[in-house]
PDB file of N, CA and C in Angstrom:
ATOM      1  N   MET A   1     122.308 101.339 193.420  1.00  0.00           N
ATOM      2  CA  MET A   1     122.436  99.724 192.682  1.00  0.00           C
ATOM      3  C   MET A   1     121.824  98.778 192.433  1.00  0.00           C
ATOM      4  N   SER A   2     121.496  97.995 191.979  1.00  0.00           N
ATOM      5  CA  SER A   2     120.628  97.077 191.901  1.00  0.00           C
ATOM      6  C   SER A   2     121.173  95.768 191.148  1.00  0.00           C
ATOM      7  N   VAL A   3     120.853  94.671 191.537  1.00  0.00           N
ATOM      8  CA  VAL A   3     121.842  93.402 190.854  1.00  0.00           C
ATOM      9  C   VAL A   3     120.230  92.691 190.376  1.00  0.00           C
ATOM     10  N   LEU A   4     120.253  92.531 189.008  1.00  0.00           N
ATOM     11  CA  LEU A   4     118.440  91.677 188.751  1.00  0.00           C
ATOM     12  C   LEU A   4     119.254  90.701 187.720  1.00  0.00           C
ATOM     13  N   THR A   5     118.582  89.625 187.659  1.00  0.00           N
ATOM     14  CA  THR A   5     118.953  88.429 187.424  1.00  0.00           C
ATOM     15  C   THR A   5     117.488  88.342 186.328  1.00  0.00           C
ATOM     16  N   SER A   6     117.789  87.694 185.358  1.00  0.00           N
ATOM     17  CA  SER A   6     116.864  86.957 184.842  1.00  0.00           C
ATOM     18  C   SER A   6     115.986  85.916 184.677  1.00  0.00           C
ATOM     19  N   PRO A   7     114.542  85.249 184.118  1.00  0.00           N
ATOM     20  CA  PRO A   7     114.650  83.881 184.504  1.00  0.00           C
ATOM     21  C   PRO A   7     115.507  83.354 183.898  1.00  0.00           C
ATOM     22  N   ARG A   8     116.454  83.271 183.143  1.00  0.00           N
ATOM     23  CA  ARG A   8     117.022  82.825 182.263  1.00  0.00           C
ATOM     24  C   ARG A   8     118.904  83.102 182.761  1.00  0.00           C
ATOM     25  N   GLY A   9     118.555  83.502 184.178  1.00  0.00           N
ATOM     26  CA  GLY A   9     120.116  83.787 184.907  1.00  0.00           C
ATOM     27  C   GLY A   9     121.038  84.394 184.545  1.00  0.00           C
ATOM     28  N   LYS A  10     120.783  85.500 183.554  1.00  0.00           N
ATOM     29  CA  LYS A  10     121.246  86.312 182.910  1.00  0.00           C
ATOM     30  C   LYS A  10     121.336  87.732 184.210  1.00  0.00           C
ATOM     31  N   VAL A  11     123.081  88.110 184.741  1.00  0.00           N
ATOM     32  CA  VAL A  11     122.707  88.617 185.989  1.00  0.00           C
ATOM     33  C   VAL A  11     123.262  90.664 185.445  1.00  0.00           C
ATOM     34  N   GLU A  12     122.448  91.311 185.614  1.00  0.00           N
ATOM     35  CA  GLU A  12     122.743  92.758 185.520  1.00  0.00           C
ATOM     36  C   GLU A  12     122.955  93.915 185.859  1.00  0.00           C
ATOM     37  N   VAL A  13     123.770  94.887 186.272  1.00  0.00           N
ATOM     38  CA  VAL A  13     123.497  95.539 187.522  1.00  0.00           C
ATOM     39  C   VAL A  13     123.280  96.997 187.065  1.00  0.00           C
ATOM     40  N   VAL A  14     121.750  97.709 187.739  1.00  0.00           N
ATOM     41  CA  VAL A  14     121.048  98.015 187.342  1.00  0.00           C
ATOM     42  C   VAL A  14     121.623 100.095 188.469  1.00  0.00           C
ATOM     43  N   HIS A  15     121.549 101.259 187.607  1.00  0.00           N
ATOM     44  CA  HIS A  15     121.870 102.008 188.283  1.00  0.00           C
ATOM     45  C   HIS A  15     120.485 103.063 187.959  1.00  0.00           C
ATOM     46  N   CYS A  16     120.106 103.345 189.240  1.00  0.00           N
ATOM     47  CA  CYS A  16     118.787 103.982 189.057  1.00  0.00           C
ATOM     48  C   CYS A  16     119.146 105.547 189.341  1.00  0.00           C
ATOM     49  N   ARG A  17     118.424 106.409 188.916  1.00  0.00           N
ATOM     50  CA  ARG A  17     118.437 108.089 189.357  1.00  0.00           C
ATOM     51  C   ARG A  17     116.816 108.340 189.182  1.00  0.00           C
ATOM     52  N   ARG A  18     116.952 109.918 189.965  1.00  0.00           N
ATOM     53  CA  ARG A  18     115.581 110.598 189.511  1.00  0.00           C
ATOM     54  C   ARG A  18     115.819 110.834 188.363  1.00  0.00           C
ATOM     55  N   THR A  19     114.298 111.069 188.043  1.00  0.00           N
ATOM     56  CA  THR A  19     113.897 111.868 186.642  1.00  0.00           C
ATOM     57  C   THR A  19     113.967 113.140 187.140  1.00  0.00           C
ATOM     58  N   GLU A  20     114.698 114.032 185.882  1.00  0.00           N
ATOM     59  CA  GLU A  20     114.975 115.447 185.745  1.00  0.00           C
ATOM     60  C   GLU A  20     114.098 115.489 184.268  1.00  0.00           C
ATOM     61  N   SER A  21     113.873 117.065 184.648  1.00  0.00           N
ATOM     62  CA  SER A  21     113.354 117.744 183.757  1.00  0.00           C
ATOM     63  C   SER A  21     113.674 117.784 182.158  1.00  0.00           C
ATOM     64  N   GLN A  22     115.118 117.590 181.817  1.00  0.00           N
ATOM     65  CA  GLN A  22     115.926 117.446 181.022  1.00  0.00           C
ATOM     66  C   GLN A  22     116.100 116.311 180.226  1.00  0.00           C
ATOM     67  N   ASP A  23     115.681 115.519 181.301  1.00  0.00           N
ATOM     68  CA  ASP A  23     115.341 113.917 180.606  1.00  0.00           C
ATOM     69  C   ASP A  23     113.934 113.770 179.682  1.00  0.00           C
ATOM     70  N   ILE A  24     113.014 114.848 179.765  1.00  0.00           N
ATOM     71  CA  ILE A  24     111.701 115.270 178.593  1.00  0.00           C
ATOM     72  C   ILE A  24     112.120 114.606 177.440  1.00  0.00           C
ATOM     73  N   TYR A  25     113.146 115.014 176.510  1.00  0.00           N
ATOM     74  CA  TYR A  25     113.308 115.013 175.332  1.00  0.00           C
ATOM     75  C   TYR A  25     113.689 113.979 175.064  1.00  0.00           C
ATOM     76  N   CYS A  26     114.447 113.020 176.128  1.00  0.00           N
ATOM     77  CA  CYS A  26     114.861 111.103 175.776  1.00  0.00           C
ATOM     78  C   CYS A  26     113.624 110.465 175.852  1.00  0.00           C
ATOM     79  N   ILE A  27     112.862 110.905 176.809  1.00  0.00           N
ATOM     80  CA  ILE A  27     111.649 110.656 177.477  1.00  0.00           C
ATOM     81  C   ILE A  27     110.595 110.612 176.232  1.00  0.00           C
ATOM     82  N   LYS A  28     110.536 111.757 175.214  1.00  0.00           N
ATOM     83  CA  LYS A  28     109.594 112.009 173.889  1.00  0.00           C
ATOM     84  C   LYS A  28     110.222 111.061 173.173  1.00  0.00           C
ATOM     85  N   SER A  29     111.501 111.163 172.962  1.00  0.00           N
ATOM     86  CA  SER A  29     112.013 110.466 171.801  1.00  0.00           C
ATOM     87  C   SER A  29     111.531 108.751 171.502  1.00  0.00           C
ATOM     88  N   LEU A  30     111.473 108.655 173.291  1.00  0.00           N
ATOM     89  CA  LEU A  30     110.486 106.836 172.824  1.00  0.00           C
ATOM     90  C   LEU A  30     109.501 106.539 172.713  1.00  0.00           C
ATOM     91  N   ILE A  31     108.568 107.876 172.012  1.00  0.00           N
ATOM     92  CA  ILE A  31     107.590 107.487 171.633  1.00  0.00           C
ATOM     93  C   ILE A  31     107.151 107.563 170.553  1.00  0.00           C
ATOM     94  N   ARG A  32     106.501 106.501 169.981  1.00  0.00           N
ATOM     95  CA  ARG A  32     106.332 106.197 168.827  1.00  0.00           C
ATOM     96  C   ARG A  32     104.257 105.695 168.372  1.00  0.00           C
ATOM     97  N   LYS A  33     104.222 106.129 167.326  1.00  0.00           N
ATOM     98  CA  LYS A  33     102.307 106.009 166.753  1.00  0.00           C
ATOM     99  C   LYS A  33     102.152 104.953 167.393  1.00  0.00           C
ATOM    100  N   PHE A  34     102.791 103.753 167.270  1.00  0.00           N
ATOM    101  CA  PHE A  34     102.408 102.051 167.627  1.00  0.00           C
ATOM    102  C   PHE A  34     101.369 102.893 169.074  1.00  0.00           C
ATOM    103  N   THR A  35     103.133 103.037 170.130  1.00  0.00           N
ATOM    104  CA  THR A  35     102.437 103.109 171.679  1.00  0.00           C
ATOM    105  C   THR A  35     101.615 103.776 171.530  1.00  0.00           C
ATOM    106  N   CYS A  36     101.363 105.037 171.029  1.00  0.00           N
ATOM    107  CA  CYS A  36     100.016 106.074 171.324  1.00  0.00           C
ATOM    108  C   CYS A  36      98.960 105.316 171.281  1.00  0.00           C
ATOM    109  N   LYS A  37      99.021 104.809 169.670  1.00  0.00           N
ATOM    110  CA  LYS A  37      97.672 104.051 169.678  1.00  0.00           C
ATOM    111  C   LYS A  37      97.741 102.709 170.472  1.00  0.00           C
ATOM    112  N   LEU A  38      98.187 101.924 171.484  1.00  0.00           N
ATOM    113  CA  LEU A  38      98.390 101.079 172.403  1.00  0.00           C
ATOM    114  C   LEU A  38      98.298 101.590 173.478  1.00  0.00           C
ATOM    115  N   PHE A  39      98.685 102.815 174.039  1.00  0.00           N
ATOM    116  CA  PHE A  39      98.315 103.428 175.411  1.00  0.00           C
ATOM    117  C   PHE A  39      97.742 104.496 175.635  1.00  0.00           C
ATOM    118  N   GLY A  40      97.736 105.440 174.401  1.00  0.00           N
ATOM    119  CA  GLY A  40      97.122 106.834 174.452  1.00  0.00           C
ATOM    120  C   GLY A  40      97.662 107.916 174.350  1.00  0.00           C
ATOM    121  N   LYS A  41      97.698 109.123 174.574  1.00  0.00           N
ATOM    122  CA  LYS A  41      98.460 109.980 174.576  1.00  0.00           C
ATOM    123  C   LYS A  41      99.103 109.557 175.716  1.00  0.00           C
ATOM    124  N   LEU A  42     100.285 110.456 175.958  1.00  0.00           N
ATOM    125  CA  LEU A  42     101.263 110.160 177.564  1.00  0.00           C
ATOM    126  C   LEU A  42     101.153 111.645 177.719  1.00  0.00           C
ATOM    127  N   ASN A  43     101.195 111.758 178.970  1.00  0.00           N
ATOM    128  CA  ASN A  43     101.910 113.114 179.718  1.00  0.00           C
ATOM    129  C   ASN A  43     102.310 113.118 180.602  1.00  0.00           C
ATOM    130  N   ILE A  44     103.824 113.723 179.545  1.00  0.00           N
ATOM    131  CA  ILE A  44     105.048 113.402 179.983  1.00  0.00           C
ATOM    132  C   ILE A  44     105.754 114.157 181.517  1.00  0.00           C
ATOM    133  N   ILE A  45     104.979 115.260 181.697  1.00  0.00           N
ATOM    134  CA  ILE A  45     105.084 116.056 182.703  1.00  0.00           C
ATOM    135  C   ILE A  45     104.594 115.237 184.351  1.00  0.00           C
ATOM    136  N   TYR A  46     103.527 114.682 183.688  1.00  0.00           N
ATOM    137  CA  TYR A  46     102.951 113.918 184.930  1.00  0.00           C
ATOM    138  C   TYR A  46     103.591 112.218 185.446  1.00  0.00           C
ATOM    139  N   LEU A  47     104.032 111.946 184.437  1.00  0.00           N
ATOM    140  CA  LEU A  47     105.324 110.740 184.732  1.00  0.00           C
ATOM    141  C   LEU A  47     106.564 111.267 185.114  1.00  0.00           C
ATOM    142  N   LEU A  48     106.961 112.453 185.269  1.00  0.00           N
ATOM    143  CA  LEU A  48     108.330 112.993 185.572  1.00  0.00           C
ATOM    144  C   LEU A  48     107.933 112.946 187.768  1.00  0.00           C
ATOM    145  N   THR A  49     106.315 113.585 187.618  1.00  0.00           N
ATOM    146  CA  THR A  49     106.197 113.947 188.943  1.00  0.00           C
ATOM    147  C   THR A  49     105.895 112.568 189.566  1.00  0.00           C
ATOM    148  N   MET A  50     105.867 111.499 189.093  1.00  0.00           N
ATOM    149  CA  MET A  50     105.427 110.036 190.273  1.00  0.00           C
ATOM    150  C   MET A  50     106.434 109.859 190.401  1.00  0.00           C
TER     151      MET A  50
END
């Protein structure tokens, strides 16, 4: 758990966990044509191993 504060003073609590292989579908749903044009095709397996 981490507490983050924005430059405007908004405070939020963030819970982090390790990415799992079952998260691939959620990650894949975030990829849009615009992001592919901007960043190129993403290797989701590579992202999971980072």
